[in-house]
Amino acid sequence: MTLLWRKDIDDHVSPLMCDDDRIIGIQYQVSPSNYVFIFQLYFPCINHSIDSFKLYIDKLYDLWYSYCDLGTVIFMGNFDCSIERNGIRDRLLKSFYVILVVIL
């Protein structure tokens, strides 16, 4: 996985250590006291167990709680589920989404 940014903002971007081959992240300093934390995700596909999927939902919670007080947190990528469907993976993602909405 890769996250790319323009060379002219290179001084404002710092890679984050996620220690996972399915999650990468960067910190972007928008202003002296304003940060955005961007995480690119690649969740396990449907061929993997639901426990594997739950592990990555837990990692989202951990990342959110680690960075939410420091700035804006953005998760993007392939979640291999949908908030528009109602399978078990979809419901797990929706529960994460609902908690974020309630917190905000």
N, C-alpha and C. Protein backbone atom coordinates (compact mmCIF):
# COMPACT_ATOMS: atom_id res chain seq x y z
N MET A 1 0.83 -1.18 0.00
CA MET A 1 0.00 0.00 0.00
C MET A 1 0.88 1.24 0.00
N THR A 2 0.31 2.30 -0.53
CA THR A 2 1.05 3.54 -0.63
C THR A 2 0.13 4.73 -0.42
N LEU A 3 0.64 5.73 0.23
CA LEU A 3 -0.01 7.03 0.29
C LEU A 3 0.94 8.03 -0.37
N LEU A 4 0.44 8.80 -1.28
CA LEU A 4 1.25 9.78 -1.99
C LEU A 4 0.80 11.19 -1.64
N TRP A 5 1.75 12.13 -1.63
CA TRP A 5 1.42 13.53 -1.44
C TRP A 5 2.35 14.37 -2.29
N ARG A 6 1.95 15.60 -2.50
CA ARG A 6 2.74 16.52 -3.32
C ARG A 6 4.04 16.88 -2.61
N LYS A 7 5.09 17.00 -3.39
CA LYS A 7 6.41 17.31 -2.85
C LYS A 7 6.43 18.65 -2.11
N ASP A 8 5.61 19.61 -2.54
CA ASP A 8 5.64 20.93 -1.91
C ASP A 8 5.05 20.93 -0.49
N ILE A 9 4.38 19.86 -0.06
CA ILE A 9 3.90 19.78 1.33
C ILE A 9 4.71 18.77 2.14
N ASP A 10 5.80 18.33 1.58
CA ASP A 10 6.63 17.30 2.22
C ASP A 10 7.06 17.68 3.64
N ASP A 11 7.32 18.94 3.88
CA ASP A 11 7.75 19.39 5.21
C ASP A 11 6.62 19.30 6.24
N HIS A 12 5.38 19.12 5.79
CA HIS A 12 4.23 19.08 6.69
C HIS A 12 3.67 17.67 6.88
N VAL A 13 4.29 16.68 6.24
CA VAL A 13 3.79 15.31 6.29
C VAL A 13 4.81 14.42 7.01
N SER A 14 4.30 13.62 7.93
CA SER A 14 5.14 12.66 8.64
C SER A 14 4.47 11.29 8.59
N PRO A 15 5.19 10.26 8.14
CA PRO A 15 4.63 8.91 8.17
C PRO A 15 4.40 8.46 9.61
N LEU A 16 3.34 7.70 9.83
CA LEU A 16 3.04 7.14 11.14
C LEU A 16 3.37 5.66 11.15
N MET A 17 3.87 5.17 12.26
CA MET A 17 4.20 3.76 12.38
C MET A 17 2.96 3.00 12.82
N CYS A 18 2.42 2.16 11.94
CA CYS A 18 1.21 1.40 12.25
C CYS A 18 1.51 -0.06 12.56
N ASP A 19 2.70 -0.53 12.22
CA ASP A 19 3.13 -1.90 12.50
C ASP A 19 2.12 -2.93 11.98
N ASP A 20 1.64 -2.70 10.76
CA ASP A 20 0.67 -3.60 10.15
C ASP A 20 0.78 -3.46 8.63
N ASP A 21 0.78 -4.59 7.93
CA ASP A 21 0.91 -4.51 6.48
C ASP A 21 -0.40 -4.17 5.78
N ARG A 22 -1.49 -4.02 6.52
CA ARG A 22 -2.78 -3.66 5.94
C ARG A 22 -3.23 -2.24 6.32
N ILE A 23 -2.41 -1.54 7.07
CA ILE A 23 -2.73 -0.18 7.49
C ILE A 23 -1.48 0.68 7.39
N ILE A 24 -1.59 1.81 6.70
CA ILE A 24 -0.52 2.80 6.69
C ILE A 24 -1.14 4.14 7.04
N GLY A 25 -0.32 5.03 7.57
CA GLY A 25 -0.86 6.32 7.97
C GLY A 25 0.15 7.43 7.87
N ILE A 26 -0.38 8.66 7.76
CA ILE A 26 0.45 9.85 7.77
C ILE A 26 -0.19 10.90 8.67
N GLN A 27 0.65 11.78 9.14
CA GLN A 27 0.21 12.97 9.87
C GLN A 27 0.47 14.16 8.97
N TYR A 28 -0.55 14.96 8.73
CA TYR A 28 -0.41 16.16 7.92
C TYR A 28 -0.67 17.37 8.80
N GLN A 29 0.33 18.25 8.90
CA GLN A 29 0.20 19.45 9.71
C GLN A 29 -0.38 20.56 8.84
N VAL A 30 -1.65 20.87 9.07
CA VAL A 30 -2.35 21.88 8.29
C VAL A 30 -1.92 23.28 8.70
N SER A 31 -1.75 23.49 10.00
CA SER A 31 -1.27 24.75 10.56
C SER A 31 -0.49 24.38 11.84
N PRO A 32 0.12 25.36 12.52
CA PRO A 32 0.93 25.01 13.69
C PRO A 32 0.21 24.17 14.75
N SER A 33 -1.09 24.32 14.89
CA SER A 33 -1.81 23.55 15.91
C SER A 33 -2.96 22.72 15.34
N ASN A 34 -2.94 22.44 14.03
CA ASN A 34 -4.03 21.71 13.39
C ASN A 34 -3.45 20.55 12.57
N TYR A 35 -3.83 19.33 12.95
CA TYR A 35 -3.31 18.13 12.31
C TYR A 35 -4.44 17.27 11.73
N VAL A 36 -4.11 16.58 10.65
CA VAL A 36 -5.01 15.58 10.07
C VAL A 36 -4.23 14.27 10.03
N PHE A 37 -4.85 13.21 10.52
CA PHE A 37 -4.24 11.89 10.51
C PHE A 37 -5.01 11.04 9.50
N ILE A 38 -4.31 10.59 8.47
CA ILE A 38 -4.95 9.87 7.37
C ILE A 38 -4.43 8.44 7.38
N PHE A 39 -5.37 7.49 7.40
CA PHE A 39 -5.02 6.07 7.40
C PHE A 39 -5.62 5.39 6.18
N GLN A 40 -4.79 4.69 5.45
CA GLN A 40 -5.20 3.88 4.31
C GLN A 40 -5.31 2.44 4.82
N LEU A 41 -6.47 1.82 4.59
CA LEU A 41 -6.76 0.48 5.13
C LEU A 41 -7.03 -0.51 4.01
N TYR A 42 -6.68 -1.74 4.26
CA TYR A 42 -7.02 -2.84 3.36
C TYR A 42 -7.46 -4.00 4.24
N PHE A 43 -8.77 -4.06 4.51
CA PHE A 43 -9.31 -5.08 5.41
C PHE A 43 -9.23 -6.47 4.79
N PRO A 44 -9.20 -7.52 5.62
CA PRO A 44 -9.20 -8.89 5.10
C PRO A 44 -10.48 -9.17 4.28
N CYS A 45 -10.31 -9.88 3.20
CA CYS A 45 -11.45 -10.19 2.33
C CYS A 45 -12.36 -11.23 2.98
N ILE A 46 -13.47 -11.50 2.34
CA ILE A 46 -14.50 -12.40 2.86
C ILE A 46 -13.97 -13.82 3.06
N ASN A 47 -12.88 -14.19 2.39
CA ASN A 47 -12.29 -15.52 2.56
C ASN A 47 -11.63 -15.70 3.93
N HIS A 48 -11.38 -14.60 4.63
CA HIS A 48 -10.80 -14.67 5.97
C HIS A 48 -11.91 -14.78 7.01
N SER A 49 -11.56 -15.25 8.17
CA SER A 49 -12.55 -15.45 9.23
C SER A 49 -13.12 -14.12 9.73
N ILE A 50 -14.28 -14.20 10.35
CA ILE A 50 -14.89 -13.01 10.93
C ILE A 50 -14.02 -12.49 12.08
N ASP A 51 -13.30 -13.36 12.76
CA ASP A 51 -12.39 -12.93 13.82
C ASP A 51 -11.28 -12.05 13.28
N SER A 52 -10.80 -12.38 12.09
CA SER A 52 -9.79 -11.55 11.44
C SER A 52 -10.35 -10.16 11.13
N PHE A 53 -11.60 -10.12 10.67
CA PHE A 53 -12.25 -8.85 10.38
C PHE A 53 -12.45 -8.05 11.67
N LYS A 54 -12.89 -8.71 12.73
CA LYS A 54 -13.10 -8.05 14.02
C LYS A 54 -11.81 -7.45 14.56
N LEU A 55 -10.70 -8.13 14.33
CA LEU A 55 -9.40 -7.63 14.75
C LEU A 55 -9.13 -6.26 14.12
N TYR A 56 -9.49 -6.11 12.84
CA TYR A 56 -9.25 -4.83 12.16
C TYR A 56 -10.24 -3.76 12.59
N ILE A 57 -11.44 -4.13 12.96
CA ILE A 57 -12.37 -3.16 13.54
C ILE A 57 -11.79 -2.67 14.87
N ASP A 58 -11.24 -3.58 15.67
CA ASP A 58 -10.61 -3.19 16.93
C ASP A 58 -9.42 -2.26 16.68
N LYS A 59 -8.67 -2.51 15.62
CA LYS A 59 -7.55 -1.63 15.28
C LYS A 59 -8.04 -0.23 14.91
N LEU A 60 -9.19 -0.15 14.24
CA LEU A 60 -9.77 1.16 13.93
C LEU A 60 -10.07 1.92 15.22
N TYR A 61 -10.70 1.23 16.18
CA TYR A 61 -10.98 1.85 17.47
C TYR A 61 -9.69 2.36 18.12
N ASP A 62 -8.66 1.52 18.12
CA ASP A 62 -7.39 1.90 18.74
C ASP A 62 -6.79 3.14 18.07
N LEU A 63 -6.79 3.14 16.74
CA LEU A 63 -6.26 4.29 16.01
C LEU A 63 -7.09 5.54 16.29
N TRP A 64 -8.41 5.39 16.25
CA TRP A 64 -9.28 6.53 16.51
C TRP A 64 -8.99 7.14 17.88
N TYR A 65 -8.97 6.31 18.92
CA TYR A 65 -8.76 6.81 20.27
C TYR A 65 -7.34 7.34 20.48
N SER A 66 -6.38 6.85 19.72
CA SER A 66 -5.00 7.33 19.83
C SER A 66 -4.83 8.73 19.23
N TYR A 67 -5.60 9.04 18.20
CA TYR A 67 -5.36 10.29 17.46
C TYR A 67 -6.51 11.30 17.50
N CYS A 68 -7.70 10.93 17.95
CA CYS A 68 -8.86 11.83 17.85
C CYS A 68 -8.69 13.11 18.66
N ASP A 69 -7.97 13.08 19.76
CA ASP A 69 -7.77 14.29 20.55
C ASP A 69 -6.65 15.17 19.99
N LEU A 70 -5.90 14.65 19.03
CA LEU A 70 -4.78 15.40 18.46
C LEU A 70 -5.15 16.11 17.16
N GLY A 71 -6.24 15.71 16.54
CA GLY A 71 -6.64 16.31 15.26
C GLY A 71 -7.75 15.50 14.61
N THR A 72 -7.96 15.77 13.34
CA THR A 72 -8.97 15.07 12.55
C THR A 72 -8.42 13.73 12.08
N VAL A 73 -9.22 12.68 12.20
CA VAL A 73 -8.80 11.34 11.79
C VAL A 73 -9.64 10.92 10.59
N ILE A 74 -8.96 10.47 9.53
CA ILE A 74 -9.63 10.01 8.32
C ILE A 74 -9.21 8.58 8.04
N PHE A 75 -10.21 7.69 7.86
CA PHE A 75 -9.96 6.31 7.44
C PHE A 75 -10.46 6.17 6.01
N MET A 76 -9.64 5.60 5.15
CA MET A 76 -10.06 5.37 3.77
C MET A 76 -9.47 4.06 3.30
N GLY A 77 -10.04 3.53 2.24
CA GLY A 77 -9.50 2.30 1.68
C GLY A 77 -10.57 1.26 1.44
N ASN A 78 -10.14 0.01 1.44
CA ASN A 78 -11.03 -1.12 1.17
C ASN A 78 -11.41 -1.78 2.49
N PHE A 79 -12.66 -1.56 2.92
CA PHE A 79 -13.16 -2.16 4.14
C PHE A 79 -13.78 -3.53 3.88
N ASP A 80 -13.95 -3.89 2.64
CA ASP A 80 -14.54 -5.16 2.21
C ASP A 80 -15.89 -5.41 2.87
N CYS A 81 -16.69 -4.35 3.00
CA CYS A 81 -18.06 -4.42 3.50
C CYS A 81 -18.73 -3.11 3.14
N SER A 82 -20.00 -2.98 3.55
CA SER A 82 -20.75 -1.80 3.16
C SER A 82 -21.72 -1.41 4.28
N ILE A 83 -21.90 -0.12 4.48
CA ILE A 83 -22.91 0.30 5.46
C ILE A 83 -24.31 0.21 4.87
N GLU A 84 -24.41 -0.11 3.59
CA GLU A 84 -25.71 -0.24 2.93
C GLU A 84 -26.26 -1.66 2.96
N ARG A 85 -25.41 -2.65 3.30
CA ARG A 85 -25.88 -4.03 3.39
C ARG A 85 -26.06 -4.39 4.87
N ASN A 86 -26.42 -5.65 5.12
CA ASN A 86 -26.71 -6.04 6.51
C ASN A 86 -26.06 -7.35 6.92
N GLY A 87 -24.92 -7.70 6.30
CA GLY A 87 -24.19 -8.88 6.73
C GLY A 87 -23.46 -8.61 8.03
N ILE A 88 -22.82 -9.63 8.58
CA ILE A 88 -22.14 -9.45 9.86
C ILE A 88 -21.01 -8.43 9.76
N ARG A 89 -20.24 -8.47 8.68
CA ARG A 89 -19.17 -7.49 8.49
C ARG A 89 -19.75 -6.08 8.37
N ASP A 90 -20.84 -5.98 7.63
CA ASP A 90 -21.49 -4.68 7.44
C ASP A 90 -21.97 -4.12 8.77
N ARG A 91 -22.56 -4.96 9.61
CA ARG A 91 -23.05 -4.51 10.92
C ARG A 91 -21.90 -4.09 11.83
N LEU A 92 -20.78 -4.81 11.76
CA LEU A 92 -19.62 -4.42 12.57
C LEU A 92 -19.09 -3.05 12.15
N LEU A 93 -19.01 -2.81 10.85
CA LEU A 93 -18.57 -1.50 10.39
C LEU A 93 -19.57 -0.42 10.80
N LYS A 94 -20.87 -0.72 10.68
CA LYS A 94 -21.88 0.25 11.07
C LYS A 94 -21.79 0.58 12.56
N SER A 95 -21.50 -0.41 13.39
CA SER A 95 -21.39 -0.14 14.83
C SER A 95 -20.21 0.80 15.10
N PHE A 96 -19.13 0.62 14.38
CA PHE A 96 -17.98 1.53 14.50
C PHE A 96 -18.38 2.92 14.04
N TYR A 97 -19.07 3.00 12.93
CA TYR A 97 -19.51 4.28 12.37
C TYR A 97 -20.48 4.99 13.32
N VAL A 98 -21.41 4.26 13.90
CA VAL A 98 -22.38 4.85 14.83
C VAL A 98 -21.66 5.40 16.06
N ILE A 99 -20.70 4.70 16.58
CA ILE A 99 -19.96 5.17 17.75
C ILE A 99 -19.24 6.46 17.40
N LEU A 100 -18.63 6.55 16.23
CA LEU A 100 -17.94 7.77 15.83
C LEU A 100 -18.91 8.94 15.72
N VAL A 101 -20.08 8.70 15.15
CA VAL A 101 -21.06 9.76 15.01
C VAL A 101 -21.52 10.24 16.37
N VAL A 102 -21.74 9.32 17.29
CA VAL A 102 -22.18 9.68 18.64
C VAL A 102 -21.08 10.47 19.36
N ILE A 103 -19.84 10.07 19.21
CA ILE A 103 -18.72 10.76 19.86
C ILE A 103 -18.59 12.17 19.32
N LEU A 104 -18.73 12.31 18.00
CA LEU A 104 -18.57 13.63 17.40
C LEU A 104 -19.72 14.51 17.80
